[in-house]
């Protein structure tokens, strides 16, 4: 099983269910776990890339980017961005 990026797939499916049926406690829990795993994996991957290329990648920036992506996709799934859509 490919677990390196599976949290993004699971989050996408959960966000589809949010879009289709609305928020529920179970979906919020799944999204929370997906964000936690994405942050854990993302910071680890960033550290490995930084080590390989002898550079520095600030973990706070990595976490901020991952959380921002999840936040934007959650806003889209809940319909909060509907006013920006074309008529």
Protein backbone atom coordinates (compact mmCIF):
# COMPACT_ATOMS: atom_id res chain seq x y z
CA UNK A 1 0.00 0.00 0.00
CA UNK A 2 1.26 3.47 -0.89
CA UNK A 3 0.92 5.44 2.31
CA UNK A 4 3.22 8.32 1.39
CA UNK A 5 0.51 10.34 -0.34
CA UNK A 6 -2.66 8.42 0.58
CA UNK A 7 -3.76 11.09 3.07
CA UNK A 8 -4.33 13.49 0.16
CA UNK A 9 -6.56 10.94 -1.59
CA UNK A 10 -8.52 10.21 1.58
CA UNK A 11 -8.90 13.93 2.28
CA UNK A 12 -10.13 14.48 -1.27
CA UNK A 13 -12.76 11.79 -0.87
CA UNK A 14 -13.79 13.24 2.51
CA UNK A 15 -14.05 16.71 1.00
CA UNK A 16 -16.23 15.34 -1.79
CA UNK A 17 -18.54 13.90 0.88
CA UNK A 18 -18.53 17.27 2.65
CA UNK A 19 -19.48 18.93 -0.62
CA UNK A 20 -22.19 16.38 -1.31
CA UNK A 21 -23.72 15.86 2.15
CA UNK A 22 -22.30 18.58 4.42
CA UNK A 23 -20.03 18.45 7.44
CA UNK A 24 -20.30 15.69 10.01
CA UNK A 25 -18.24 14.73 13.03
CA UNK A 26 -16.80 11.71 11.24
CA UNK A 27 -15.67 13.73 8.22
CA UNK A 28 -14.11 16.39 10.43
CA UNK A 29 -12.19 13.65 12.28
CA UNK A 30 -11.01 12.11 9.00
CA UNK A 31 -9.89 15.51 7.71
CA UNK A 32 -8.08 16.21 10.97
CA UNK A 33 -6.21 12.92 10.75
CA UNK A 34 -5.35 13.58 7.11
CA UNK A 35 -3.98 17.03 7.93
CA UNK A 36 -1.95 15.61 10.81
CA UNK A 37 -0.48 12.88 8.61
CA UNK A 38 0.19 15.32 5.78
CA UNK A 39 2.06 17.66 8.13
CA UNK A 40 4.05 14.75 9.60
CA UNK A 41 4.97 13.36 6.19
CA UNK A 42 5.54 16.80 4.66
CA UNK A 43 7.96 17.96 7.30
CA UNK A 44 9.84 14.66 7.09
CA UNK A 45 10.05 14.88 3.32
CA UNK A 46 11.17 18.51 3.48
CA UNK A 47 13.91 17.57 5.94
CA UNK A 48 15.09 14.78 3.63
CA UNK A 49 15.13 17.11 0.61
CA UNK A 50 16.95 19.81 2.58
CA UNK A 51 19.53 17.28 3.73
CA UNK A 52 20.02 15.91 0.23
CA UNK A 53 20.53 19.32 -1.36
CA UNK A 54 22.42 20.85 1.59
CA UNK A 55 19.92 23.62 2.16
CA UNK A 56 17.39 24.65 4.78
CA UNK A 57 13.63 24.30 4.51
CA UNK A 58 11.86 25.84 7.48
CA UNK A 59 9.32 23.35 8.91
CA UNK A 60 6.94 26.19 9.80
CA UNK A 61 6.67 27.20 6.16
CA UNK A 62 6.03 23.60 5.12
CA UNK A 63 3.28 23.27 7.73
CA UNK A 64 1.75 26.62 6.71
CA UNK A 65 1.60 25.62 3.04
CA UNK A 66 0.03 22.24 3.77
CA UNK A 67 -2.57 23.73 6.15
CA UNK A 68 -3.34 26.53 3.67
CA UNK A 69 -3.97 24.01 0.88
CA UNK A 70 -6.30 22.01 3.12
CA UNK A 71 -8.07 25.20 4.21
CA UNK A 72 -8.66 26.37 0.63
CA UNK A 73 -9.96 22.98 -0.44
CA UNK A 74 -12.25 22.85 2.60
CA UNK A 75 -13.63 26.29 1.75
CA UNK A 76 -14.33 25.10 -1.79
CA UNK A 77 -15.99 21.90 -0.56
CA UNK A 78 -18.25 23.74 1.88
CA UNK A 79 -19.33 26.22 -0.77
CA UNK A 80 -17.77 29.25 0.91
CA UNK A 81 -16.15 30.28 -2.39
CA UNK A 82 -19.34 30.00 -4.40
CA UNK A 83 -19.64 33.78 -4.72
CA UNK A 84 -16.42 33.84 -6.75
CA UNK A 85 -17.83 31.43 -9.35
CA UNK A 86 -19.06 32.53 -12.73
CA UNK A 87 -22.81 32.95 -13.10
